[in-house]
Amino acid sequence: ELDAIAVDVRDAAYKVIQGKGATNYAIGLSSARIVEAILRDEHAILPVSTVLEDFHGISGMALSVPSIVSAKGAVPLAGTPFSDPELALLRRSADALTTVADSLRG
């Protein structure tokens, strides 16, 4: 069931583009929600990108992970539990971003 959810989340943008031609409304709504959490100092848990430092062994890159968003900014939830397959996918994403960044640096 989690695999199906992951596929649905991954492919959601394509479904929106197919139906509406763009995803800018979803981006706008997400941005508004993040700004609301900051302005109201909500300490809301939202999936936002932050530069990670020793987050399950990942450091020095920004990835979207569950974070506490408040007037002070966004802080990744260090104790976020991941299954072994989820953690492997997160690390694979981090490795892919590192490879691309290194190739751009020359």
PDB file of N, CA and C in Angstrom:
ATOM      1  N   GLU A   1       0.818  -1.194   0.000  1.00  0.00           N
ATOM      2  CA  GLU A   1       0.000   0.000   0.000  1.00  0.00           C
ATOM      3  C   GLU A   1       0.863   1.261   0.000  1.00  0.00           C
ATOM      4  N   LEU A   2       1.975   1.258   0.770  1.00  0.00           N
ATOM      5  CA  LEU A   2       2.852   2.426   0.787  1.00  0.00           C
ATOM      6  C   LEU A   2       3.489   2.656  -0.572  1.00  0.00           C
ATOM      7  N   ASP A   3       3.798   1.571  -1.285  1.00  0.00           N
ATOM      8  CA  ASP A   3       4.366   1.725  -2.626  1.00  0.00           C
ATOM      9  C   ASP A   3       3.381   2.426  -3.553  1.00  0.00           C
ATOM     10  N   ALA A   4       2.111   2.072  -3.459  1.00  0.00           N
ATOM     11  CA  ALA A   4       1.087   2.708  -4.292  1.00  0.00           C
ATOM     12  C   ALA A   4       0.952   4.187  -3.948  1.00  0.00           C
ATOM     13  N   ILE A   5       1.032   4.517  -2.665  1.00  0.00           N
ATOM     14  CA  ILE A   5       0.963   5.921  -2.245  1.00  0.00           C
ATOM     15  C   ILE A   5       2.154   6.691  -2.804  1.00  0.00           C
ATOM     16  N   ALA A   6       3.342   6.101  -2.734  1.00  0.00           N
ATOM     17  CA  ALA A   6       4.545   6.755  -3.254  1.00  0.00           C
ATOM     18  C   ALA A   6       4.412   7.031  -4.748  1.00  0.00           C
ATOM     19  N   VAL A   7       3.889   6.080  -5.487  1.00  0.00           N
ATOM     20  CA  VAL A   7       3.689   6.263  -6.929  1.00  0.00           C
ATOM     21  C   VAL A   7       2.668   7.370  -7.178  1.00  0.00           C
ATOM     22  N   ASP A   8       1.578   7.373  -6.421  1.00  0.00           N
ATOM     23  CA  ASP A   8       0.554   8.415  -6.580  1.00  0.00           C
ATOM     24  C   ASP A   8       1.118   9.804  -6.311  1.00  0.00           C
ATOM     25  N   VAL A   9       1.914   9.927  -5.257  1.00  0.00           N
ATOM     26  CA  VAL A   9       2.516  11.223  -4.925  1.00  0.00           C
ATOM     27  C   VAL A   9       3.486  11.643  -6.018  1.00  0.00           C
ATOM     28  N   ARG A  10       4.312  10.704  -6.459  1.00  0.00           N
ATOM     29  CA  ARG A  10       5.299  11.007  -7.499  1.00  0.00           C
ATOM     30  C   ARG A  10       4.627  11.458  -8.790  1.00  0.00           C
ATOM     31  N   ASP A  11       3.517  10.833  -9.148  1.00  0.00           N
ATOM     32  CA  ASP A  11       2.867  11.101 -10.429  1.00  0.00           C
ATOM     33  C   ASP A  11       1.767  12.160 -10.356  1.00  0.00           C
ATOM     34  N   ALA A  12       1.511  12.712  -9.177  1.00  0.00           N
ATOM     35  CA  ALA A  12       0.409  13.669  -9.008  1.00  0.00           C
ATOM     36  C   ALA A  12       0.563  14.887  -9.906  1.00  0.00           C
ATOM     37  N   ALA A  13       1.762  15.422 -10.015  1.00  0.00           N
ATOM     38  CA  ALA A  13       1.972  16.618 -10.838  1.00  0.00           C
ATOM     39  C   ALA A  13       1.612  16.350 -12.292  1.00  0.00           C
ATOM     40  N   TYR A  14       1.944  15.160 -12.777  1.00  0.00           N
ATOM     41  CA  TYR A  14       1.634  14.832 -14.172  1.00  0.00           C
ATOM     42  C   TYR A  14       0.132  14.764 -14.399  1.00  0.00           C
ATOM     43  N   LYS A  15      -0.599  14.267 -13.414  1.00  0.00           N
ATOM     44  CA  LYS A  15      -2.057  14.203 -13.527  1.00  0.00           C
ATOM     45  C   LYS A  15      -2.658  15.611 -13.529  1.00  0.00           C
ATOM     46  N   VAL A  16      -2.110  16.491 -12.704  1.00  0.00           N
ATOM     47  CA  VAL A  16      -2.595  17.875 -12.668  1.00  0.00           C
ATOM     48  C   VAL A  16      -2.302  18.564 -13.994  1.00  0.00           C
ATOM     49  N   ILE A  17      -1.093  18.386 -14.510  1.00  0.00           N
ATOM     50  CA  ILE A  17      -0.719  19.003 -15.786  1.00  0.00           C
ATOM     51  C   ILE A  17      -1.617  18.487 -16.904  1.00  0.00           C
ATOM     52  N   GLN A  18      -1.880  17.190 -16.903  1.00  0.00           N
ATOM     53  CA  GLN A  18      -2.740  16.596 -17.922  1.00  0.00           C
ATOM     54  C   GLN A  18      -4.151  17.197 -17.857  1.00  0.00           C
ATOM     55  N   GLY A  19      -4.642  17.417 -16.662  1.00  0.00           N
ATOM     56  CA  GLY A  19      -5.996  17.939 -16.504  1.00  0.00           C
ATOM     57  C   GLY A  19      -6.109  19.442 -16.663  1.00  0.00           C
ATOM     58  N   LYS A  20      -5.124  20.193 -16.143  1.00  0.00           N
ATOM     59  CA  LYS A  20      -5.231  21.650 -16.110  1.00  0.00           C
ATOM     60  C   LYS A  20      -4.196  22.357 -16.969  1.00  0.00           C
ATOM     61  N   GLY A  21      -3.119  21.664 -17.293  1.00  0.00           N
ATOM     62  CA  GLY A  21      -2.072  22.283 -18.084  1.00  0.00           C
ATOM     63  C   GLY A  21      -0.959  22.900 -17.262  1.00  0.00           C
ATOM     64  N   ALA A  22      -1.089  22.934 -15.934  1.00  0.00           N
ATOM     65  CA  ALA A  22      -0.053  23.525 -15.082  1.00  0.00           C
ATOM     66  C   ALA A  22      -0.272  23.092 -13.636  1.00  0.00           C
ATOM     67  N   THR A  23       0.769  23.294 -12.832  1.00  0.00           N
ATOM     68  CA  THR A  23       0.669  22.967 -11.405  1.00  0.00           C
ATOM     69  C   THR A  23       0.820  24.210 -10.536  1.00  0.00           C
ATOM     70  N   ASN A  24       0.732  25.408 -11.145  1.00  0.00           N
ATOM     71  CA  ASN A  24       1.012  26.624 -10.383  1.00  0.00           C
ATOM     72  C   ASN A  24       0.037  26.859  -9.232  1.00  0.00           C
ATOM     73  N   TYR A  25      -1.203  26.376  -9.317  1.00  0.00           N
ATOM     74  CA  TYR A  25      -2.129  26.555  -8.193  1.00  0.00           C
ATOM     75  C   TYR A  25      -1.686  25.736  -6.990  1.00  0.00           C
ATOM     76  N   ALA A  26      -1.248  24.515  -7.234  1.00  0.00           N
ATOM     77  CA  ALA A  26      -0.773  23.668  -6.138  1.00  0.00           C
ATOM     78  C   ALA A  26       0.461  24.281  -5.488  1.00  0.00           C
ATOM     79  N   ILE A  27       1.342  24.828  -6.304  1.00  0.00           N
ATOM     80  CA  ILE A  27       2.544  25.476  -5.775  1.00  0.00           C
ATOM     81  C   ILE A  27       2.147  26.697  -4.948  1.00  0.00           C
ATOM     82  N   GLY A  28       1.201  27.470  -5.446  1.00  0.00           N
ATOM     83  CA  GLY A  28       0.728  28.648  -4.713  1.00  0.00           C
ATOM     84  C   GLY A  28       0.089  28.286  -3.385  1.00  0.00           C
ATOM     85  N   LEU A  29      -0.747  27.246  -3.386  1.00  0.00           N
ATOM     86  CA  LEU A  29      -1.387  26.808  -2.139  1.00  0.00           C
ATOM     87  C   LEU A  29      -0.357  26.309  -1.132  1.00  0.00           C
ATOM     88  N   SER A  30       0.621  25.554  -1.612  1.00  0.00           N
ATOM     89  CA  SER A  30       1.665  25.049  -0.716  1.00  0.00           C
ATOM     90  C   SER A  30       2.470  26.197  -0.127  1.00  0.00           C
ATOM     91  N   SER A  31       2.812  27.159  -0.973  1.00  0.00           N
ATOM     92  CA  SER A  31       3.571  28.323  -0.500  1.00  0.00           C
ATOM     93  C   SER A  31       2.775  29.114   0.525  1.00  0.00           C
ATOM     94  N   ALA A  32       1.493  29.303   0.261  1.00  0.00           N
ATOM     95  CA  ALA A  32       0.641  30.037   1.204  1.00  0.00           C
ATOM     96  C   ALA A  32       0.572  29.321   2.547  1.00  0.00           C
ATOM     97  N   ARG A  33       0.497  28.008   2.528  1.00  0.00           N
ATOM     98  CA  ARG A  33       0.431  27.234   3.784  1.00  0.00           C
ATOM     99  C   ARG A  33       1.716  27.391   4.585  1.00  0.00           C
ATOM    100  N   ILE A  34       2.856  27.364   3.901  1.00  0.00           N
ATOM    101  CA  ILE A  34       4.145  27.521   4.585  1.00  0.00           C
ATOM    102  C   ILE A  34       4.251  28.923   5.186  1.00  0.00           C
ATOM    103  N   VAL A  35       3.880  29.941   4.412  1.00  0.00           N
ATOM    104  CA  VAL A  35       3.922  31.323   4.912  1.00  0.00           C
ATOM    105  C   VAL A  35       2.999  31.482   6.119  1.00  0.00           C
ATOM    106  N   GLU A  36       1.813  30.886   6.058  1.00  0.00           N
ATOM    107  CA  GLU A  36       0.873  30.939   7.178  1.00  0.00           C
ATOM    108  C   GLU A  36       1.496  30.341   8.443  1.00  0.00           C
ATOM    109  N   ALA A  37       2.162  29.203   8.304  1.00  0.00           N
ATOM    110  CA  ALA A  37       2.796  28.557   9.460  1.00  0.00           C
ATOM    111  C   ALA A  37       3.895  29.435  10.048  1.00  0.00           C
ATOM    112  N   ILE A  38       4.611  30.146   9.185  1.00  0.00           N
ATOM    113  CA  ILE A  38       5.680  31.033   9.657  1.00  0.00           C
ATOM    114  C   ILE A  38       5.088  32.255  10.362  1.00  0.00           C
ATOM    115  N   LEU A  39       4.144  32.930   9.700  1.00  0.00           N
ATOM    116  CA  LEU A  39       3.581  34.162  10.258  1.00  0.00           C
ATOM    117  C   LEU A  39       2.824  33.931  11.560  1.00  0.00           C
ATOM    118  N   ARG A  40       2.178  32.781  11.671  1.00  0.00           N
ATOM    119  CA  ARG A  40       1.417  32.469  12.884  1.00  0.00           C
ATOM    120  C   ARG A  40       2.245  31.711  13.914  1.00  0.00           C
ATOM    121  N   ASP A  41       3.515  31.500  13.603  1.00  0.00           N
ATOM    122  CA  ASP A  41       4.421  30.779  14.509  1.00  0.00           C
ATOM    123  C   ASP A  41       3.775  29.476  14.996  1.00  0.00           C
ATOM    124  N   GLU A  42       3.262  28.702  14.042  1.00  0.00           N
ATOM    125  CA  GLU A  42       2.443  27.534  14.355  1.00  0.00           C
ATOM    126  C   GLU A  42       3.204  26.311  14.870  1.00  0.00           C
ATOM    127  N   HIS A  43       4.456  26.226  14.559  1.00  0.00           N
ATOM    128  CA  HIS A  43       5.201  24.999  14.836  1.00  0.00           C
ATOM    129  C   HIS A  43       4.508  23.811  14.157  1.00  0.00           C
ATOM    130  N   ALA A  44       4.103  24.042  12.908  1.00  0.00           N
ATOM    131  CA  ALA A  44       3.416  23.020  12.116  1.00  0.00           C
ATOM    132  C   ALA A  44       4.428  22.038  11.535  1.00  0.00           C
ATOM    133  N   ILE A  45       4.023  20.804  11.418  1.00  0.00           N
ATOM    134  CA  ILE A  45       4.871  19.802  10.777  1.00  0.00           C
ATOM    135  C   ILE A  45       4.482  19.751   9.308  1.00  0.00           C
ATOM    136  N   LEU A  46       5.438  20.153   8.455  1.00  0.00           N
ATOM    137  CA  LEU A  46       5.203  20.205   7.015  1.00  0.00           C
ATOM    138  C   LEU A  46       6.393  19.590   6.279  1.00  0.00           C
ATOM    139  N   PRO A  47       6.156  19.025   5.096  1.00  0.00           N
ATOM    140  CA  PRO A  47       7.266  18.483   4.307  1.00  0.00           C
ATOM    141  C   PRO A  47       7.928  19.601   3.500  1.00  0.00           C
ATOM    142  N   VAL A  48       8.990  20.169   4.026  1.00  0.00           N
ATOM    143  CA  VAL A  48       9.694  21.256   3.345  1.00  0.00           C
ATOM    144  C   VAL A  48      11.172  20.904   3.204  1.00  0.00           C
ATOM    145  N   SER A  49      11.805  21.552   2.239  1.00  0.00           N
ATOM    146  CA  SER A  49      13.233  21.316   2.023  1.00  0.00           C
ATOM    147  C   SER A  49      14.051  22.203   2.942  1.00  0.00           C
ATOM    148  N   THR A  50      14.981  21.587   3.621  1.00  0.00           N
ATOM    149  CA  THR A  50      15.942  22.301   4.453  1.00  0.00           C
ATOM    150  C   THR A  50      17.299  21.655   4.234  1.00  0.00           C
ATOM    151  N   VAL A  51      18.356  22.414   4.489  1.00  0.00           N
ATOM    152  CA  VAL A  51      19.692  21.829   4.393  1.00  0.00           C
ATOM    153  C   VAL A  51      19.867  20.902   5.589  1.00  0.00           C
ATOM    154  N   LEU A  52      20.109  19.646   5.306  1.00  0.00           N
ATOM    155  CA  LEU A  52      20.180  18.629   6.354  1.00  0.00           C
ATOM    156  C   LEU A  52      21.581  18.530   6.936  1.00  0.00           C
ATOM    157  N   GLU A  53      21.649  18.293   8.218  1.00  0.00           N
ATOM    158  CA  GLU A  53      22.907  18.041   8.914  1.00  0.00           C
ATOM    159  C   GLU A  53      22.727  16.787   9.749  1.00  0.00           C
ATOM    160  N   ASP A  54      23.369  15.731   9.353  1.00  0.00           N
ATOM    161  CA  ASP A  54      23.301  14.423  10.011  1.00  0.00           C
ATOM    162  C   ASP A  54      21.857  13.959  10.214  1.00  0.00           C
ATOM    163  N   PHE A  55      21.079  14.056   9.167  1.00  0.00           N
ATOM    164  CA  PHE A  55      19.709  13.554   9.165  1.00  0.00           C
ATOM    165  C   PHE A  55      19.765  12.147   8.600  1.00  0.00           C
ATOM    166  N   HIS A  56      19.744  11.173   9.484  1.00  0.00           N
ATOM    167  CA  HIS A  56      19.897   9.768   9.079  1.00  0.00           C
ATOM    168  C   HIS A  56      21.166   9.585   8.247  1.00  0.00           C
ATOM    169  N   GLY A  57      22.225  10.306   8.628  1.00  0.00           N
ATOM    170  CA  GLY A  57      23.507  10.182   7.945  1.00  0.00           C
ATOM    171  C   GLY A  57      23.666  11.068   6.727  1.00  0.00           C
ATOM    172  N   ILE A  58      22.688  11.902   6.427  1.00  0.00           N
ATOM    173  CA  ILE A  58      22.751  12.789   5.261  1.00  0.00           C
ATOM    174  C   ILE A  58      23.062  14.201   5.745  1.00  0.00           C
ATOM    175  N   SER A  59      24.071  14.830   5.126  1.00  0.00           N
ATOM    176  CA  SER A  59      24.463  16.184   5.520  1.00  0.00           C
ATOM    177  C   SER A  59      24.803  17.021   4.295  1.00  0.00           C
ATOM    178  N   GLY A  60      24.604  18.331   4.439  1.00  0.00           N
ATOM    179  CA  GLY A  60      25.086  19.278   3.447  1.00  0.00           C
ATOM    180  C   GLY A  60      24.245  19.429   2.199  1.00  0.00           C
ATOM    181  N   MET A  61      23.018  18.956   2.209  1.00  0.00           N
ATOM    182  CA  MET A  61      22.158  19.142   1.046  1.00  0.00           C
ATOM    183  C   MET A  61      20.729  19.338   1.495  1.00  0.00           C
ATOM    184  N   ALA A  62      19.960  19.985   0.636  1.00  0.00           N
ATOM    185  CA  ALA A  62      18.555  20.242   0.950  1.00  0.00           C
ATOM    186  C   ALA A  62      17.680  19.154   0.349  1.00  0.00           C
ATOM    187  N   LEU A  63      16.897  18.533   1.201  1.00  0.00           N
ATOM    188  CA  LEU A  63      15.903  17.547   0.789  1.00  0.00           C
ATOM    189  C   LEU A  63      14.617  17.845   1.543  1.00  0.00           C
ATOM    190  N   SER A  64      13.512  17.516   0.945  1.00  0.00           N
ATOM    191  CA  SER A  64      12.222  17.738   1.583  1.00  0.00           C
ATOM    192  C   SER A  64      11.928  16.605   2.554  1.00  0.00           C
ATOM    193  N   VAL A  65      11.883  16.957   3.834  1.00  0.00           N
ATOM    194  CA  VAL A  65      11.603  15.986   4.895  1.00  0.00           C
ATOM    195  C   VAL A  65      10.638  16.635   5.893  1.00  0.00           C
ATOM    196  N   PRO A  66       9.948  15.841   6.692  1.00  0.00           N
ATOM    197  CA  PRO A  66       9.074  16.432   7.707  1.00  0.00           C
ATOM    198  C   PRO A  66       9.865  17.373   8.619  1.00  0.00           C
ATOM    199  N   SER A  67       9.374  18.604   8.722  1.00  0.00           N
ATOM    200  CA  SER A  67      10.068  19.630   9.501  1.00  0.00           C
ATOM    201  C   SER A  67       9.065  20.440  10.304  1.00  0.00           C
ATOM    202  N   ILE A  68       9.537  20.996  11.421  1.00  0.00           N
ATOM    203  CA  ILE A  68       8.719  21.910  12.212  1.00  0.00           C
ATOM    204  C   ILE A  68       8.921  23.307  11.639  1.00  0.00           C
ATOM    205  N   VAL A  69       7.827  23.924  11.183  1.00  0.00           N
ATOM    206  CA  VAL A  69       7.884  25.242  10.557  1.00  0.00           C
ATOM    207  C   VAL A  69       7.246  26.256  11.503  1.00  0.00           C
ATOM    208  N   SER A  70       8.043  27.293  11.844  1.00  0.00           N
ATOM    209  CA  SER A  70       7.579  28.326  12.766  1.00  0.00           C
ATOM    210  C   SER A  70       8.191  29.659  12.354  1.00  0.00           C
ATOM    211  N   ALA A  71       8.009  30.666  13.183  1.00  0.00           N
ATOM    212  CA  ALA A  71       8.589  31.981  12.911  1.00  0.00           C
ATOM    213  C   ALA A  71      10.112  31.932  12.891  1.00  0.00           C
ATOM    214  N   LYS A  72      10.691  30.923  13.502  1.00  0.00           N
ATOM    215  CA  LYS A  72      12.151  30.785  13.526  1.00  0.00           C
ATOM    216  C   LYS A  72      12.688  30.046  12.305  1.00  0.00           C
ATOM    217  N   GLY A  73      11.801  29.561  11.433  1.00  0.00           N
ATOM    218  CA  GLY A  73      12.235  28.846  10.239  1.00  0.00           C
ATOM    219  C   GLY A  73      11.750  27.410  10.244  1.00  0.00           C
ATOM    220  N   ALA A  74      12.514  26.553   9.591  1.00  0.00           N
ATOM    221  CA  ALA A  74      12.152  25.139   9.483  1.00  0.00           C
ATOM    222  C   ALA A  74      13.270  24.282  10.058  1.00  0.00           C
ATOM    223  N   VAL A  75      12.891  23.344  10.907  1.00  0.00           N
ATOM    224  CA  VAL A  75      13.854  22.441  11.537  1.00  0.00           C
ATOM    225  C   VAL A  75      13.408  21.006  11.261  1.00  0.00           C
ATOM    226  N   PRO A  76      14.260  20.229  10.583  1.00  0.00           N
ATOM    227  CA  PRO A  76      13.883  18.835  10.303  1.00  0.00           C
ATOM    228  C   PRO A  76      13.631  18.057  11.590  1.00  0.00           C
ATOM    229  N   LEU A  77      12.646  17.183  11.560  1.00  0.00           N
ATOM    230  CA  LEU A  77      12.364  16.317  12.704  1.00  0.00           C
ATOM    231  C   LEU A  77      13.384  15.187  12.713  1.00  0.00           C
ATOM    232  N   ALA A  78      14.359  15.295  13.596  1.00  0.00           N
ATOM    233  CA  ALA A  78      15.464  14.343  13.622  1.00  0.00           C
ATOM    234  C   ALA A  78      15.005  12.919  13.871  1.00  0.00           C
ATOM    235  N   GLY A  79      13.954  12.745  14.631  1.00  0.00           N
ATOM    236  CA  GLY A  79      13.503  11.404  14.979  1.00  0.00           C
ATOM    237  C   GLY A  79      12.504  10.814  14.004  1.00  0.00           C
ATOM    238  N   THR A  80      12.408  11.392  12.804  1.00  0.00           N
ATOM    239  CA  THR A  80      11.447  10.875  11.828  1.00  0.00           C
ATOM    240  C   THR A  80      11.773   9.425  11.502  1.00  0.00           C
ATOM    241  N   PRO A  81      10.837   8.522  11.752  1.00  0.00           N
ATOM    242  CA  PRO A  81      11.115   7.110  11.458  1.00  0.00           C
ATOM    243  C   PRO A  81      10.952   6.811   9.969  1.00  0.00           C
ATOM    244  N   PHE A  82      11.857   6.030   9.446  1.00  0.00           N
ATOM    245  CA  PHE A  82      11.791   5.556   8.070  1.00  0.00           C
ATOM    246  C   PHE A  82      11.965   4.049   8.076  1.00  0.00           C
ATOM    247  N   SER A  83      11.256   3.375   7.195  1.00  0.00           N
ATOM    248  CA  SER A  83      11.510   1.950   7.011  1.00  0.00           C
ATOM    249  C   SER A  83      12.842   1.823   6.266  1.00  0.00           C
ATOM    250  N   ASP A  84      13.413   0.646   6.267  1.00  0.00           N
ATOM    251  CA  ASP A  84      14.676   0.447   5.552  1.00  0.00           C
ATOM    252  C   ASP A  84      14.557   0.803   4.072  1.00  0.00           C
ATOM    253  N   PRO A  85      13.491   0.361   3.381  1.00  0.00           N
ATOM    254  CA  PRO A  85      13.367   0.755   1.965  1.00  0.00           C
ATOM    255  C   PRO A  85      13.216   2.268   1.771  1.00  0.00           C
ATOM    256  N   GLU A  86      12.472   2.937   2.661  1.00  0.00           N
ATOM    257  CA  GLU A  86      12.314   4.391   2.560  1.00  0.00           C
ATOM    258  C   GLU A  86      13.646   5.097   2.766  1.00  0.00           C
ATOM    259  N   LEU A  87      14.403   4.647   3.755  1.00  0.00           N
ATOM    260  CA  LEU A  87      15.700   5.253   4.025  1.00  0.00           C
ATOM    261  C   LEU A  87      16.654   5.033   2.860  1.00  0.00           C
ATOM    262  N   ALA A  88      16.601   3.859   2.254  1.00  0.00           N
ATOM    263  CA  ALA A  88      17.439   3.579   1.082  1.00  0.00           C
ATOM    264  C   ALA A  88      17.088   4.527  -0.065  1.00  0.00           C
ATOM    265  N   LEU A  89      15.797   4.789  -0.271  1.00  0.00           N
ATOM    266  CA  LEU A  89      15.379   5.708  -1.329  1.00  0.00           C
ATOM    267  C   LEU A  89      15.798   7.144  -1.019  1.00  0.00           C
ATOM    268  N   LEU A  90      15.693   7.552   0.245  1.00  0.00           N
ATOM    269  CA  LEU A  90      16.124   8.893   0.636  1.00  0.00           C
ATOM    270  C   LEU A  90      17.620   9.061   0.384  1.00  0.00           C
ATOM    271  N   ARG A  91      18.392   8.075   0.774  1.00  0.00           N
ATOM    272  CA  ARG A  91      19.848   8.137   0.561  1.00  0.00           C
ATOM    273  C   ARG A  91      20.188   8.102  -0.926  1.00  0.00           C
ATOM    274  N   ARG A  92      19.418   7.334  -1.703  1.00  0.00           N
ATOM    275  CA  ARG A  92      19.646   7.291  -3.152  1.00  0.00           C
ATOM    276  C   ARG A  92      19.393   8.669  -3.760  1.00  0.00           C
ATOM    277  N   SER A  93      18.359   9.360  -3.292  1.00  0.00           N
ATOM    278  CA  SER A  93      18.095  10.725  -3.760  1.00  0.00           C
ATOM    279  C   SER A  93      19.249  11.647  -3.400  1.00  0.00           C
ATOM    280  N   ALA A  94      19.731  11.540  -2.173  1.00  0.00           N
ATOM    281  CA  ALA A  94      20.858  12.366  -1.732  1.00  0.00           C
ATOM    282  C   ALA A  94      22.095  12.084  -2.576  1.00  0.00           C
ATOM    283  N   ASP A  95      22.362  10.819  -2.845  1.00  0.00           N
ATOM    284  CA  ASP A  95      23.520  10.454  -3.671  1.00  0.00           C
ATOM    285  C   ASP A  95      23.383  11.001  -5.087  1.00  0.00           C
ATOM    286  N   ALA A  96      22.171  10.932  -5.646  1.00  0.00           N
ATOM    287  CA  ALA A  96      21.943  11.445  -7.001  1.00  0.00           C
ATOM    288  C   ALA A  96      22.176  12.950  -7.054  1.00  0.00           C
ATOM    289  N   LEU A  97      21.694  13.678  -6.042  1.00  0.00           N
ATOM    290  CA  LEU A  97      21.909  15.124  -6.005  1.00  0.00           C
ATOM    291  C   LEU A  97      23.384  15.464  -5.840  1.00  0.00           C
ATOM    292  N   THR A  98      24.087  14.695  -5.033  1.00  0.00           N
ATOM    293  CA  THR A  98      25.525  14.909  -4.855  1.00  0.00           C
ATOM    294  C   THR A  98      26.258  14.705  -6.169  1.00  0.00           C
ATOM    295  N   THR A  99      25.902  13.660  -6.905  1.00  0.00           N
ATOM    296  CA  THR A  99      26.533  13.372  -8.193  1.00  0.00           C
ATOM    297  C   THR A  99      26.310  14.517  -9.177  1.00  0.00           C
ATOM    298  N   VAL A 100      25.087  15.020  -9.249  1.00  0.00           N
ATOM    299  CA  VAL A 100      24.781  16.129 -10.159  1.00  0.00           C
ATOM    300  C   VAL A 100      25.534  17.388  -9.737  1.00  0.00           C
ATOM    301  N   ALA A 101      25.526  17.706  -8.448  1.00  0.00           N
ATOM    302  CA  ALA A 101      26.227  18.903  -7.958  1.00  0.00           C
ATOM    303  C   ALA A 101      27.720  18.808  -8.243  1.00  0.00           C
ATOM    304  N   ASP A 102      28.302  17.644  -8.010  1.00  0.00           N
ATOM    305  CA  ASP A 102      29.731  17.455  -8.276  1.00  0.00           C
ATOM    306  C   ASP A 102      30.045  17.620  -9.761  1.00  0.00           C
ATOM    307  N   SER A 103      29.157  17.134 -10.630  1.00  0.00           N
ATOM    308  CA  SER A 103      29.399  17.250 -12.073  1.00  0.00           C
ATOM    309  C   SER A 103      29.322  18.707 -12.524  1.00  0.00           C
ATOM    310  N   LEU A 104      28.501  19.509 -11.871  1.00  0.00           N
ATOM    311  CA  LEU A 104      28.382  20.917 -12.226  1.00  0.00           C
ATOM    312  C   LEU A 104      29.578  21.734 -11.749  1.00  0.00           C
ATOM    313  N   ARG A 105      30.200  21.260 -10.687  1.00  0.00           N
ATOM    314  CA  ARG A 105      31.384  21.957 -10.159  1.00  0.00           C
ATOM    315  C   ARG A 105      32.607  21.711 -11.027  1.00  0.00           C
ATOM    316  N   GLY A 106      32.554  20.669 -11.824  1.00  0.00           N
ATOM    317  CA  GLY A 106      33.665  20.359 -12.728  1.00  0.00           C
ATOM    318  C   GLY A 106      34.606  19.464 -12.104  1.00  0.00           C
TER     319      GLY A 106
END
